[in-house]
Each structure stands twice: as structure tokens, then as C-alpha cells.
N, C-alpha and C. Protein backbone atom coordinates (compact mmCIF):
# COMPACT_ATOMS: atom_id res chain seq x y z
N UNK A 1 9.17 49.62 -0.08
CA UNK A 1 8.50 48.50 0.56
C UNK A 1 9.41 47.27 0.52
N UNK A 2 9.56 46.60 1.64
CA UNK A 2 10.44 45.44 1.72
C UNK A 2 9.76 44.20 1.14
N UNK A 3 10.49 43.47 0.34
CA UNK A 3 9.97 42.23 -0.23
C UNK A 3 10.10 41.12 0.80
N UNK A 4 8.97 40.69 1.37
CA UNK A 4 9.06 39.67 2.42
C UNK A 4 9.30 38.26 1.88
N UNK A 5 9.45 38.14 0.55
CA UNK A 5 9.82 36.86 -0.05
C UNK A 5 11.31 36.80 -0.40
N UNK A 6 12.03 37.85 -0.06
CA UNK A 6 13.42 37.94 -0.48
C UNK A 6 14.27 36.87 0.19
N UNK A 7 14.94 36.01 -0.60
CA UNK A 7 15.82 34.99 -0.01
C UNK A 7 17.01 35.61 0.70
N UNK A 8 17.41 36.84 0.28
CA UNK A 8 18.52 37.50 0.96
C UNK A 8 18.17 37.83 2.41
N UNK A 9 16.88 38.11 2.66
CA UNK A 9 16.45 38.46 4.01
C UNK A 9 16.10 37.24 4.85
N UNK A 10 15.47 36.27 4.22
CA UNK A 10 14.92 35.19 5.01
C UNK A 10 15.53 33.82 4.71
N UNK A 11 16.30 33.70 3.64
CA UNK A 11 16.89 32.41 3.32
C UNK A 11 15.87 31.44 2.76
N UNK A 12 16.30 30.23 2.57
CA UNK A 12 15.45 29.20 2.00
C UNK A 12 14.49 28.67 3.05
N UNK A 13 13.24 28.43 2.64
CA UNK A 13 12.27 27.83 3.54
C UNK A 13 12.74 26.42 3.91
N UNK A 14 12.79 26.07 5.19
CA UNK A 14 13.29 24.75 5.58
C UNK A 14 12.35 23.64 5.15
N UNK A 15 12.93 22.45 4.92
CA UNK A 15 12.12 21.27 4.63
C UNK A 15 11.27 20.92 5.83
N UNK A 16 10.10 20.42 5.60
CA UNK A 16 9.23 19.97 6.68
C UNK A 16 8.96 18.49 6.53
N UNK A 17 9.15 17.75 7.61
CA UNK A 17 8.88 16.32 7.60
C UNK A 17 7.39 16.08 7.65
N UNK A 18 6.93 15.10 6.87
CA UNK A 18 5.52 14.75 6.85
C UNK A 18 5.22 13.75 7.97
N UNK A 19 4.14 13.96 8.68
CA UNK A 19 3.70 13.03 9.71
C UNK A 19 4.25 13.42 11.07
N UNK A 20 4.09 12.56 12.10
CA UNK A 20 3.51 11.21 12.04
C UNK A 20 2.03 11.17 12.41
N UNK A 21 1.20 11.87 11.63
CA UNK A 21 -0.23 11.95 11.95
C UNK A 21 -1.08 10.96 11.18
N UNK A 22 -0.49 10.17 10.29
CA UNK A 22 -1.28 9.30 9.43
C UNK A 22 -2.11 8.29 10.20
N UNK A 23 -1.55 7.76 11.27
CA UNK A 23 -2.28 6.75 12.04
C UNK A 23 -3.55 7.31 12.67
N UNK A 24 -3.56 8.60 12.91
CA UNK A 24 -4.67 9.19 13.65
C UNK A 24 -5.75 9.77 12.74
N UNK A 25 -5.35 10.24 11.58
CA UNK A 25 -6.30 10.95 10.73
C UNK A 25 -6.89 10.09 9.61
N UNK A 26 -6.17 9.09 9.14
CA UNK A 26 -6.58 8.42 7.91
C UNK A 26 -7.14 7.02 8.04
N UNK A 27 -6.75 6.18 9.00
CA UNK A 27 -7.36 4.84 9.06
C UNK A 27 -8.81 4.89 9.49
N UNK A 28 -9.57 3.87 9.12
CA UNK A 28 -10.95 3.73 9.61
C UNK A 28 -11.20 2.27 9.95
N UNK A 29 -12.20 2.01 10.78
CA UNK A 29 -12.49 0.65 11.16
C UNK A 29 -12.84 -0.18 9.94
N UNK A 30 -12.16 -1.29 9.78
CA UNK A 30 -12.40 -2.15 8.63
C UNK A 30 -11.71 -1.69 7.37
N UNK A 31 -10.88 -0.65 7.45
CA UNK A 31 -10.26 -0.10 6.25
C UNK A 31 -9.27 -1.02 5.59
N UNK A 32 -8.77 -2.03 6.30
CA UNK A 32 -7.81 -2.95 5.71
C UNK A 32 -8.46 -4.24 5.25
N UNK A 33 -9.78 -4.34 5.40
CA UNK A 33 -10.50 -5.52 4.94
C UNK A 33 -11.36 -5.13 3.74
N UNK A 34 -10.85 -5.38 2.54
CA UNK A 34 -11.55 -5.00 1.33
C UNK A 34 -12.72 -5.92 1.03
N UNK A 35 -12.84 -7.01 1.80
CA UNK A 35 -13.99 -7.90 1.64
C UNK A 35 -15.16 -7.47 2.52
N UNK A 36 -14.91 -6.55 3.46
CA UNK A 36 -15.98 -6.02 4.30
C UNK A 36 -16.46 -6.97 5.38
N UNK A 37 -15.64 -7.95 5.77
CA UNK A 37 -16.11 -8.95 6.72
C UNK A 37 -15.55 -8.78 8.13
N UNK A 38 -14.60 -7.86 8.33
CA UNK A 38 -14.00 -7.73 9.66
C UNK A 38 -13.54 -6.29 9.88
N UNK A 39 -12.88 -6.06 11.01
CA UNK A 39 -12.41 -4.73 11.34
C UNK A 39 -10.89 -4.63 11.38
N UNK A 40 -10.17 -5.53 10.70
CA UNK A 40 -8.72 -5.47 10.76
C UNK A 40 -8.23 -4.16 10.14
N UNK A 41 -7.14 -3.66 10.67
CA UNK A 41 -6.49 -2.52 10.05
C UNK A 41 -6.74 -1.18 10.69
N UNK A 42 -7.55 -1.11 11.74
CA UNK A 42 -7.79 0.16 12.43
C UNK A 42 -7.50 -0.03 13.90
N UNK A 43 -6.24 0.05 14.28
CA UNK A 43 -5.86 -0.16 15.67
C UNK A 43 -6.53 0.89 16.56
N UNK A 44 -7.34 0.50 17.53
CA UNK A 44 -8.08 1.49 18.33
C UNK A 44 -7.17 2.44 19.09
N UNK A 45 -5.94 2.01 19.40
CA UNK A 45 -5.02 2.90 20.10
C UNK A 45 -4.53 4.03 19.22
N UNK A 46 -4.80 3.93 17.90
CA UNK A 46 -4.33 4.96 16.98
C UNK A 46 -5.48 5.73 16.34
N UNK A 47 -6.66 5.59 16.88
CA UNK A 47 -7.80 6.37 16.40
C UNK A 47 -8.24 7.33 17.49
N UNK A 48 -8.13 8.60 17.23
CA UNK A 48 -8.49 9.60 18.22
C UNK A 48 -9.98 9.52 18.53
N UNK A 49 -10.31 9.45 19.79
CA UNK A 49 -11.71 9.47 20.20
C UNK A 49 -12.39 8.13 20.24
N UNK A 50 -11.80 7.10 19.60
CA UNK A 50 -12.37 5.75 19.63
C UNK A 50 -13.85 5.77 19.23
N UNK A 51 -14.14 6.00 17.97
CA UNK A 51 -15.51 6.10 17.48
C UNK A 51 -15.83 4.93 16.55
N UNK A 52 -15.90 3.69 17.06
CA UNK A 52 -16.14 2.56 16.17
C UNK A 52 -17.47 2.64 15.45
N UNK A 53 -18.47 3.29 16.05
CA UNK A 53 -19.77 3.38 15.39
C UNK A 53 -19.69 4.21 14.12
N UNK A 54 -18.74 5.15 14.08
CA UNK A 54 -18.60 6.02 12.91
C UNK A 54 -17.63 5.46 11.89
N UNK A 55 -16.80 4.52 12.29
CA UNK A 55 -15.73 4.06 11.41
C UNK A 55 -15.80 2.59 11.06
N UNK A 56 -16.81 1.89 11.52
CA UNK A 56 -16.86 0.45 11.33
C UNK A 56 -17.33 0.07 9.92
N UNK A 57 -16.71 -0.97 9.39
CA UNK A 57 -17.20 -1.54 8.14
C UNK A 57 -18.58 -2.12 8.37
N UNK A 58 -19.48 -1.91 7.43
CA UNK A 58 -20.87 -2.32 7.62
C UNK A 58 -21.19 -3.66 6.96
N UNK A 59 -20.18 -4.49 6.78
CA UNK A 59 -20.43 -5.85 6.33
C UNK A 59 -20.97 -5.93 4.91
N UNK A 60 -20.21 -5.39 3.94
CA UNK A 60 -20.62 -5.52 2.55
C UNK A 60 -20.68 -6.99 2.16
N UNK A 61 -21.48 -7.34 1.16
CA UNK A 61 -21.48 -8.73 0.70
C UNK A 61 -20.08 -9.16 0.27
N UNK A 62 -19.75 -10.39 0.51
CA UNK A 62 -18.45 -10.91 0.14
C UNK A 62 -18.28 -10.86 -1.37
N UNK A 63 -17.26 -10.16 -1.89
CA UNK A 63 -17.07 -10.10 -3.34
C UNK A 63 -16.63 -11.46 -3.88
N UNK A 64 -16.91 -11.69 -5.15
CA UNK A 64 -16.52 -12.94 -5.79
C UNK A 64 -15.01 -13.01 -5.91
N UNK A 65 -14.48 -14.22 -5.88
CA UNK A 65 -13.05 -14.40 -6.04
C UNK A 65 -12.41 -15.11 -4.86
N UNK A 66 -11.10 -15.25 -4.93
CA UNK A 66 -10.34 -15.95 -3.89
C UNK A 66 -9.94 -14.97 -2.78
N UNK A 67 -10.46 -15.15 -1.57
CA UNK A 67 -10.04 -14.27 -0.46
C UNK A 67 -8.58 -14.55 -0.11
N UNK A 68 -7.81 -13.49 0.12
CA UNK A 68 -6.41 -13.64 0.50
C UNK A 68 -6.08 -12.66 1.62
N UNK A 69 -5.08 -13.01 2.42
CA UNK A 69 -4.53 -12.11 3.42
C UNK A 69 -3.11 -11.74 3.00
N UNK A 70 -2.81 -10.45 3.08
CA UNK A 70 -1.48 -9.94 2.75
C UNK A 70 -0.90 -9.34 4.02
N UNK A 71 0.26 -9.84 4.41
CA UNK A 71 0.92 -9.36 5.63
C UNK A 71 2.36 -9.02 5.28
N UNK A 72 2.82 -7.89 5.77
CA UNK A 72 4.20 -7.49 5.50
C UNK A 72 4.70 -6.50 6.52
N UNK A 73 5.96 -6.14 6.38
CA UNK A 73 6.58 -5.14 7.24
C UNK A 73 7.09 -3.99 6.39
N UNK A 74 7.18 -2.82 7.01
CA UNK A 74 7.84 -1.68 6.39
C UNK A 74 9.16 -1.48 7.12
N UNK A 75 10.26 -1.45 6.36
CA UNK A 75 11.60 -1.33 6.91
C UNK A 75 12.33 -0.15 6.30
N UNK A 76 13.21 0.48 7.07
CA UNK A 76 14.02 1.56 6.52
C UNK A 76 15.30 0.98 5.92
N UNK A 77 16.19 1.85 5.46
CA UNK A 77 17.39 1.38 4.78
C UNK A 77 18.34 0.60 5.65
N UNK A 78 18.24 0.79 6.98
CA UNK A 78 19.09 0.05 7.92
C UNK A 78 18.45 -1.25 8.39
N UNK A 79 17.26 -1.56 7.84
CA UNK A 79 16.57 -2.77 8.25
C UNK A 79 15.75 -2.61 9.51
N UNK A 80 15.62 -1.37 9.99
CA UNK A 80 14.82 -1.12 11.20
C UNK A 80 13.35 -0.98 10.82
N UNK A 81 12.47 -1.40 11.72
CA UNK A 81 11.05 -1.33 11.44
C UNK A 81 10.57 0.12 11.41
N UNK A 82 9.54 0.37 10.62
CA UNK A 82 8.88 1.68 10.57
C UNK A 82 7.48 1.47 11.14
N UNK A 83 7.28 1.94 12.36
CA UNK A 83 6.05 1.63 13.09
C UNK A 83 4.94 2.65 12.90
N UNK A 84 5.18 3.67 12.09
CA UNK A 84 4.14 4.69 11.91
C UNK A 84 3.92 5.02 10.44
N UNK A 85 3.99 3.99 9.60
CA UNK A 85 3.68 4.17 8.18
C UNK A 85 2.21 3.85 7.96
N UNK A 86 1.69 4.30 6.84
CA UNK A 86 0.33 3.98 6.43
C UNK A 86 0.40 3.40 5.02
N UNK A 87 -0.19 2.23 4.82
CA UNK A 87 -0.16 1.55 3.54
C UNK A 87 -1.55 1.62 2.91
N UNK A 88 -1.59 1.91 1.60
CA UNK A 88 -2.84 1.92 0.85
C UNK A 88 -2.76 0.89 -0.27
N UNK A 89 -3.90 0.28 -0.56
CA UNK A 89 -4.02 -0.64 -1.69
C UNK A 89 -5.07 -0.13 -2.67
N UNK A 90 -4.80 -0.32 -3.98
CA UNK A 90 -5.80 -0.11 -5.03
C UNK A 90 -5.71 -1.31 -5.95
N UNK A 91 -6.85 -1.87 -6.32
CA UNK A 91 -6.78 -3.07 -7.15
C UNK A 91 -8.07 -3.30 -7.92
N UNK A 92 -7.98 -4.18 -8.92
CA UNK A 92 -9.14 -4.65 -9.66
C UNK A 92 -9.78 -5.81 -8.90
N UNK A 93 -10.98 -6.20 -9.34
CA UNK A 93 -11.64 -7.35 -8.72
C UNK A 93 -11.13 -8.63 -9.37
N UNK A 94 -11.75 -9.75 -9.04
CA UNK A 94 -11.28 -11.05 -9.54
C UNK A 94 -11.41 -11.19 -11.05
N UNK A 95 -12.27 -10.37 -11.65
CA UNK A 95 -12.45 -10.40 -13.11
C UNK A 95 -11.60 -9.37 -13.83
N UNK A 96 -10.74 -8.66 -13.07
CA UNK A 96 -9.90 -7.65 -13.69
C UNK A 96 -10.61 -6.35 -13.98
N UNK A 97 -11.70 -6.05 -13.23
CA UNK A 97 -12.46 -4.83 -13.43
C UNK A 97 -12.29 -3.90 -12.23
N UNK A 98 -12.27 -2.61 -12.50
CA UNK A 98 -12.22 -1.61 -11.44
C UNK A 98 -13.62 -1.04 -11.20
N UNK A 99 -13.91 -0.74 -9.94
CA UNK A 99 -15.22 -0.17 -9.62
C UNK A 99 -16.25 -1.25 -9.41
N UNK A 100 -17.52 -0.87 -9.58
CA UNK A 100 -18.60 -1.83 -9.37
C UNK A 100 -18.85 -2.07 -7.89
N UNK A 101 -19.24 -3.29 -7.55
CA UNK A 101 -19.56 -3.61 -6.16
C UNK A 101 -18.32 -3.76 -5.28
N UNK A 102 -17.16 -3.92 -5.90
CA UNK A 102 -15.92 -4.10 -5.15
C UNK A 102 -15.15 -2.78 -5.19
N UNK A 103 -14.94 -2.16 -4.03
CA UNK A 103 -14.30 -0.84 -4.01
C UNK A 103 -12.85 -0.90 -4.43
N UNK A 104 -12.14 -1.98 -4.06
CA UNK A 104 -10.75 -2.13 -4.47
C UNK A 104 -9.78 -1.18 -3.81
N UNK A 105 -10.18 -0.53 -2.71
CA UNK A 105 -9.31 0.42 -2.02
C UNK A 105 -9.33 0.14 -0.52
N UNK A 106 -8.15 0.20 0.10
CA UNK A 106 -8.07 0.00 1.55
C UNK A 106 -6.86 0.67 2.14
N UNK A 107 -6.88 0.84 3.47
CA UNK A 107 -5.75 1.43 4.19
C UNK A 107 -5.47 0.63 5.45
N UNK A 108 -4.18 0.52 5.78
CA UNK A 108 -3.79 -0.13 7.04
C UNK A 108 -2.56 0.56 7.60
N UNK A 109 -2.54 0.87 8.89
CA UNK A 109 -1.33 1.38 9.52
C UNK A 109 -0.40 0.24 9.89
N UNK A 110 0.89 0.53 9.96
CA UNK A 110 1.81 -0.45 10.53
C UNK A 110 1.69 -0.39 12.05
N UNK A 111 1.95 -1.54 12.70
CA UNK A 111 1.86 -1.57 14.16
C UNK A 111 3.24 -1.35 14.77
N UNK A 112 3.38 -1.61 16.05
CA UNK A 112 4.64 -1.36 16.75
C UNK A 112 5.78 -2.22 16.21
N UNK A 113 5.44 -3.31 15.54
CA UNK A 113 6.46 -4.17 14.93
C UNK A 113 6.67 -3.86 13.46
N UNK A 114 6.06 -2.77 12.97
CA UNK A 114 6.19 -2.39 11.57
C UNK A 114 5.37 -3.23 10.63
N UNK A 115 4.37 -3.96 11.16
CA UNK A 115 3.59 -4.92 10.36
C UNK A 115 2.27 -4.31 9.92
N UNK A 116 1.89 -4.56 8.66
CA UNK A 116 0.56 -4.22 8.16
C UNK A 116 -0.14 -5.50 7.73
N UNK A 117 -1.48 -5.46 7.67
CA UNK A 117 -2.26 -6.66 7.36
C UNK A 117 -3.49 -6.23 6.57
N UNK A 118 -3.66 -6.83 5.39
CA UNK A 118 -4.85 -6.60 4.57
C UNK A 118 -5.56 -7.92 4.32
N UNK A 119 -6.88 -7.84 4.20
CA UNK A 119 -7.67 -8.96 3.69
C UNK A 119 -8.39 -8.45 2.45
N UNK A 120 -8.24 -9.20 1.35
CA UNK A 120 -8.81 -8.73 0.09
C UNK A 120 -9.12 -9.93 -0.81
N UNK A 121 -9.33 -9.66 -2.07
CA UNK A 121 -9.60 -10.67 -3.09
C UNK A 121 -8.44 -10.66 -4.07
N UNK A 122 -8.00 -11.84 -4.45
CA UNK A 122 -6.93 -11.89 -5.45
C UNK A 122 -7.45 -11.31 -6.77
N UNK A 123 -6.76 -10.29 -7.31
CA UNK A 123 -7.27 -9.63 -8.52
C UNK A 123 -7.03 -10.45 -9.77
N UNK A 124 -7.79 -10.13 -10.81
CA UNK A 124 -7.59 -10.72 -12.12
C UNK A 124 -6.68 -9.85 -12.97
N UNK A 125 -6.28 -10.33 -14.15
CA UNK A 125 -5.44 -9.54 -15.06
C UNK A 125 -6.23 -8.36 -15.61
N UNK A 126 -5.52 -7.26 -15.88
CA UNK A 126 -6.15 -6.05 -16.40
C UNK A 126 -5.46 -5.60 -17.68
N UNK A 127 -6.16 -4.83 -18.53
CA UNK A 127 -5.53 -4.34 -19.76
C UNK A 127 -4.30 -3.49 -19.47
N UNK A 128 -3.31 -3.59 -20.35
CA UNK A 128 -2.09 -2.81 -20.22
C UNK A 128 -1.85 -1.96 -21.44
N UNK A 129 -0.72 -1.29 -21.50
CA UNK A 129 -0.42 -0.41 -22.64
C UNK A 129 -0.26 -1.20 -23.93
N UNK A 130 -0.71 -0.60 -25.02
CA UNK A 130 -0.53 -1.22 -26.34
C UNK A 130 -1.23 -2.54 -26.51
N UNK A 131 -2.45 -2.65 -25.98
CA UNK A 131 -3.25 -3.87 -26.11
C UNK A 131 -2.60 -5.09 -25.44
N UNK A 132 -1.76 -4.85 -24.46
CA UNK A 132 -1.17 -5.94 -23.69
C UNK A 132 -2.08 -6.27 -22.52
N UNK A 133 -1.74 -7.34 -21.83
CA UNK A 133 -2.49 -7.74 -20.64
C UNK A 133 -1.53 -7.76 -19.47
N UNK A 134 -1.87 -7.04 -18.41
CA UNK A 134 -1.02 -7.01 -17.22
C UNK A 134 -1.35 -8.18 -16.31
N UNK A 135 -0.32 -8.74 -15.70
CA UNK A 135 -0.51 -9.81 -14.74
C UNK A 135 -1.31 -9.30 -13.55
N UNK A 136 -2.03 -10.17 -12.86
CA UNK A 136 -2.73 -9.74 -11.65
C UNK A 136 -1.76 -9.07 -10.68
N UNK A 137 -2.14 -7.90 -10.22
CA UNK A 137 -1.27 -7.15 -9.32
C UNK A 137 -2.11 -6.21 -8.47
N UNK A 138 -1.48 -5.66 -7.45
CA UNK A 138 -2.12 -4.69 -6.57
C UNK A 138 -1.21 -3.47 -6.49
N UNK A 139 -1.75 -2.29 -6.70
CA UNK A 139 -0.99 -1.06 -6.51
C UNK A 139 -0.90 -0.75 -5.02
N UNK A 140 0.29 -0.36 -4.57
CA UNK A 140 0.55 -0.14 -3.15
C UNK A 140 1.12 1.26 -2.96
N UNK A 141 0.53 2.02 -2.04
CA UNK A 141 1.04 3.33 -1.69
C UNK A 141 1.58 3.33 -0.28
N UNK A 142 2.64 4.10 -0.04
CA UNK A 142 3.26 4.19 1.28
C UNK A 142 3.32 5.65 1.70
N UNK A 143 2.74 5.95 2.85
CA UNK A 143 2.83 7.27 3.45
C UNK A 143 3.49 7.13 4.82
N UNK A 144 4.26 8.14 5.22
CA UNK A 144 4.89 8.01 6.52
C UNK A 144 5.76 9.20 6.86
N UNK A 145 6.18 9.20 8.10
CA UNK A 145 7.08 10.25 8.61
C UNK A 145 8.37 10.28 7.80
N UNK A 146 8.75 11.47 7.36
CA UNK A 146 9.96 11.62 6.59
C UNK A 146 9.78 11.49 5.10
N UNK A 147 8.60 11.07 4.64
CA UNK A 147 8.32 10.97 3.21
C UNK A 147 7.58 12.22 2.77
N UNK A 148 8.14 12.94 1.83
CA UNK A 148 7.52 14.19 1.39
C UNK A 148 6.40 13.96 0.39
N UNK A 149 6.35 12.77 -0.19
CA UNK A 149 5.23 12.42 -1.05
C UNK A 149 5.02 10.91 -0.96
N UNK A 150 3.83 10.49 -1.36
CA UNK A 150 3.49 9.06 -1.34
C UNK A 150 4.44 8.28 -2.25
N UNK A 151 4.92 7.15 -1.76
CA UNK A 151 5.67 6.22 -2.59
C UNK A 151 4.68 5.21 -3.18
N UNK A 152 4.90 4.84 -4.44
CA UNK A 152 3.98 3.94 -5.11
C UNK A 152 4.76 2.75 -5.67
N UNK A 153 4.26 1.56 -5.38
CA UNK A 153 4.87 0.35 -5.91
C UNK A 153 3.77 -0.61 -6.33
N UNK A 154 4.15 -1.84 -6.65
CA UNK A 154 3.18 -2.87 -7.04
C UNK A 154 3.50 -4.17 -6.31
N UNK A 155 2.46 -4.94 -6.11
CA UNK A 155 2.57 -6.28 -5.55
C UNK A 155 2.10 -7.28 -6.59
N UNK A 156 2.99 -8.19 -6.97
CA UNK A 156 2.65 -9.30 -7.86
C UNK A 156 2.70 -10.60 -7.05
N UNK A 157 2.14 -11.67 -7.60
CA UNK A 157 2.05 -12.94 -6.91
C UNK A 157 3.05 -13.94 -7.50
N UNK A 158 3.81 -14.59 -6.62
CA UNK A 158 4.92 -15.43 -7.06
C UNK A 158 4.48 -16.58 -7.94
N UNK A 159 3.26 -17.08 -7.78
CA UNK A 159 2.82 -18.25 -8.54
C UNK A 159 2.07 -17.89 -9.82
N UNK A 160 2.13 -16.64 -10.23
CA UNK A 160 1.35 -16.18 -11.37
C UNK A 160 2.15 -16.32 -12.68
N UNK A 161 1.76 -17.21 -13.60
CA UNK A 161 2.51 -17.38 -14.86
C UNK A 161 2.56 -16.12 -15.70
N UNK A 162 1.55 -15.25 -15.60
CA UNK A 162 1.51 -14.05 -16.45
C UNK A 162 2.55 -13.00 -16.04
N UNK A 163 3.23 -13.22 -14.93
CA UNK A 163 4.32 -12.30 -14.56
C UNK A 163 5.37 -12.22 -15.66
N UNK A 164 5.59 -13.34 -16.34
CA UNK A 164 6.65 -13.39 -17.37
C UNK A 164 6.38 -12.45 -18.54
N UNK A 165 5.13 -12.13 -18.78
CA UNK A 165 4.79 -11.28 -19.93
C UNK A 165 4.23 -9.93 -19.51
N UNK A 166 4.30 -9.61 -18.22
CA UNK A 166 3.73 -8.34 -17.76
C UNK A 166 4.56 -7.17 -18.29
N UNK A 167 3.93 -6.18 -18.96
CA UNK A 167 4.70 -5.09 -19.58
C UNK A 167 5.35 -4.15 -18.57
N UNK A 168 4.80 -4.05 -17.37
CA UNK A 168 5.40 -3.17 -16.36
C UNK A 168 6.57 -3.86 -15.67
N UNK A 169 6.39 -5.13 -15.29
CA UNK A 169 7.51 -5.87 -14.72
C UNK A 169 8.68 -5.92 -15.69
N UNK A 170 8.38 -5.96 -16.98
CA UNK A 170 9.43 -6.03 -17.99
C UNK A 170 10.31 -4.78 -18.00
N UNK A 171 9.80 -3.67 -17.46
CA UNK A 171 10.59 -2.44 -17.38
C UNK A 171 11.57 -2.44 -16.23
N UNK A 172 11.40 -3.39 -15.31
CA UNK A 172 12.22 -3.44 -14.09
C UNK A 172 13.39 -4.39 -14.30
N UNK A 173 14.62 -3.99 -13.96
CA UNK A 173 15.76 -4.91 -14.09
C UNK A 173 15.48 -6.23 -13.36
N UNK A 174 15.88 -7.34 -13.95
CA UNK A 174 15.53 -8.66 -13.42
C UNK A 174 15.99 -8.85 -11.98
N UNK A 175 17.14 -8.27 -11.63
CA UNK A 175 17.64 -8.46 -10.27
C UNK A 175 16.83 -7.71 -9.22
N UNK A 176 16.00 -6.75 -9.67
CA UNK A 176 15.20 -5.98 -8.71
C UNK A 176 13.74 -6.41 -8.67
N UNK A 177 13.33 -7.25 -9.59
CA UNK A 177 11.94 -7.68 -9.64
C UNK A 177 11.47 -8.41 -8.38
N UNK A 178 12.34 -9.18 -7.70
CA UNK A 178 11.87 -9.85 -6.48
C UNK A 178 11.28 -8.92 -5.42
N UNK A 179 11.66 -7.63 -5.45
CA UNK A 179 11.11 -6.69 -4.46
C UNK A 179 9.64 -6.41 -4.70
N UNK A 180 9.12 -6.82 -5.86
CA UNK A 180 7.72 -6.59 -6.21
C UNK A 180 6.87 -7.86 -6.10
N UNK A 181 7.48 -8.97 -5.70
CA UNK A 181 6.81 -10.27 -5.73
C UNK A 181 6.45 -10.72 -4.31
N UNK A 182 5.16 -10.88 -4.06
CA UNK A 182 4.70 -11.44 -2.78
C UNK A 182 4.86 -12.96 -2.83
N UNK A 183 5.26 -13.53 -1.69
CA UNK A 183 5.48 -14.97 -1.58
C UNK A 183 4.42 -15.59 -0.67
N UNK A 184 3.90 -16.74 -1.08
CA UNK A 184 2.93 -17.43 -0.24
C UNK A 184 3.63 -18.06 0.95
N UNK A 185 3.04 -17.86 2.13
CA UNK A 185 3.56 -18.42 3.37
C UNK A 185 2.38 -19.06 4.11
N UNK A 186 2.15 -20.33 3.83
CA UNK A 186 1.00 -20.99 4.42
C UNK A 186 -0.30 -20.40 3.89
N UNK A 187 -1.08 -19.79 4.78
CA UNK A 187 -2.38 -19.25 4.40
C UNK A 187 -2.33 -17.77 4.01
N UNK A 188 -1.15 -17.16 4.06
CA UNK A 188 -1.06 -15.72 3.78
C UNK A 188 -0.01 -15.46 2.71
N UNK A 189 -0.06 -14.25 2.16
CA UNK A 189 0.97 -13.76 1.25
C UNK A 189 1.84 -12.76 2.00
N UNK A 190 3.16 -12.90 1.90
CA UNK A 190 4.11 -12.03 2.57
C UNK A 190 4.69 -11.03 1.58
N UNK A 191 4.69 -9.76 2.00
CA UNK A 191 5.20 -8.71 1.11
C UNK A 191 5.78 -7.59 1.97
N UNK A 192 7.12 -7.57 2.10
CA UNK A 192 7.79 -6.51 2.85
C UNK A 192 8.11 -5.34 1.93
N UNK A 193 8.13 -4.15 2.51
CA UNK A 193 8.43 -2.92 1.78
C UNK A 193 9.66 -2.29 2.43
N UNK A 194 10.72 -2.11 1.65
CA UNK A 194 11.97 -1.53 2.14
C UNK A 194 12.12 -0.15 1.50
N UNK A 195 12.24 0.87 2.34
CA UNK A 195 12.16 2.25 1.85
C UNK A 195 13.44 2.75 1.18
N UNK A 196 14.59 2.18 1.52
CA UNK A 196 15.85 2.64 0.92
C UNK A 196 16.91 1.57 1.15
N UNK A 197 18.11 1.82 0.63
CA UNK A 197 19.21 0.89 0.83
C UNK A 197 19.34 -0.13 -0.28
N UNK A 198 20.24 -1.09 -0.10
CA UNK A 198 20.53 -2.06 -1.17
C UNK A 198 19.35 -2.96 -1.52
N UNK A 199 18.44 -3.17 -0.60
CA UNK A 199 17.27 -4.01 -0.87
C UNK A 199 16.00 -3.20 -1.07
N UNK A 200 16.16 -1.95 -1.46
CA UNK A 200 15.02 -1.04 -1.62
C UNK A 200 13.98 -1.61 -2.58
N UNK A 201 12.72 -1.52 -2.18
CA UNK A 201 11.62 -1.89 -3.05
C UNK A 201 11.61 -0.96 -4.27
N UNK A 202 11.26 -1.50 -5.42
CA UNK A 202 11.11 -0.67 -6.62
C UNK A 202 9.89 0.22 -6.46
N UNK A 203 10.09 1.51 -6.60
CA UNK A 203 8.99 2.48 -6.55
C UNK A 203 8.86 3.13 -7.93
N UNK A 204 7.62 3.49 -8.27
CA UNK A 204 7.31 4.02 -9.60
C UNK A 204 6.94 5.49 -9.53
N UNK A 205 7.27 6.23 -10.58
CA UNK A 205 6.80 7.61 -10.71
C UNK A 205 5.31 7.58 -11.06
N UNK A 206 4.56 8.53 -10.52
CA UNK A 206 3.13 8.58 -10.84
C UNK A 206 2.65 10.03 -10.84
């Protein structure tokens, strides 16, 4: 009987690129608004069938805390935009708690200019390893064409004094920490994600 798994007969299974189906299968109406007040983040041109009645945010009560908008771009190693990535956020509420009335999870696709946009609440500090306290931050996931697994990073806020004592930021070489820091730009926070190259965003194992 022939072994149909034999590498001598069939060689190595080729790599398969992931995507670009994320824009069609995973976003939902209102998925990028963690406050539940709008429908940002679900481009109708990227939702198969256009079913807003099935995917619309149902207007949850506004969670306590400071509402913020986070806008950024996804770029490849050559500085070119990535127009078919999907960004996910996970975060604590304004009191540094997970769960409860605030879901703390959202998704947004990048648009034709590689831009994503979230509306959420600025999180509070959360417990860290060894009885430490982590600075307010947001966990960020990146899915997209050519990525074989989700990339995971963090977003910190440039004006946060607790960044200096954050135990996770302390693990990152000082010259690379700016890739994790969102900067205030008027009424929004700017946070670009660079997938590779000399300005690559710091990504974490998970």
C-alpha cells in the first residue's frame, strides 16, 4: 500500500496565504464603536449581502469614562498601505476592569487608504505581573493577507505618566517603544501599525 503522506512522492505541502476574506466575513455594523453609539467600522462595500438589520449596533448605553477616537494606518515594510487588513481591539473599561457592561472588544477593517478608525473609552490601569500595575493600554490584533497568524501588539497613550513604570513596556528596548505609543492629534489619537522593516511595530508572542 502506498503511503500518500510520503514526502518523497508528494514533496512539502506549499504555504498558503491567509485572506483576503477578512473584510467580508468578520466585520459587523458598529463593530469599531465600542461605545455602541454609531456604525463606524463596517464599510458596506465590504459586507456581503448588505444586511444592516442583522449587523447593526443596537445602541448600548454609553459606558462611563472618556470617549476617544483612535485612527491609524496599516503599512507594510516598504511604507505602502495595506488596504485589506482587519484590526481588533481588546481592553479594560475606565476603571481597569474587564467584562461587565463594557464589552471591550471591537473590529475595524482598513479602507482603501489603509486607515482604520475606532471609537472607544480610554481604559484605566490594570493589574500586572508580580503585583505591579500596568499603564492604561489597549491590546491590538492584526489580521490580513499574507499573515499566517494574528499579530498582537499594544497601544499606550503618550500623555500617560504610568508608562514609565509599566512592566511590559519595560521589556521593550527604549528605541522601539515609540512604536507602541499613540499620539494625540487634536480630537483623536493616532496610531500607525507597521508590519515589517526598520520601523516595524513591536509585536508580542501570545
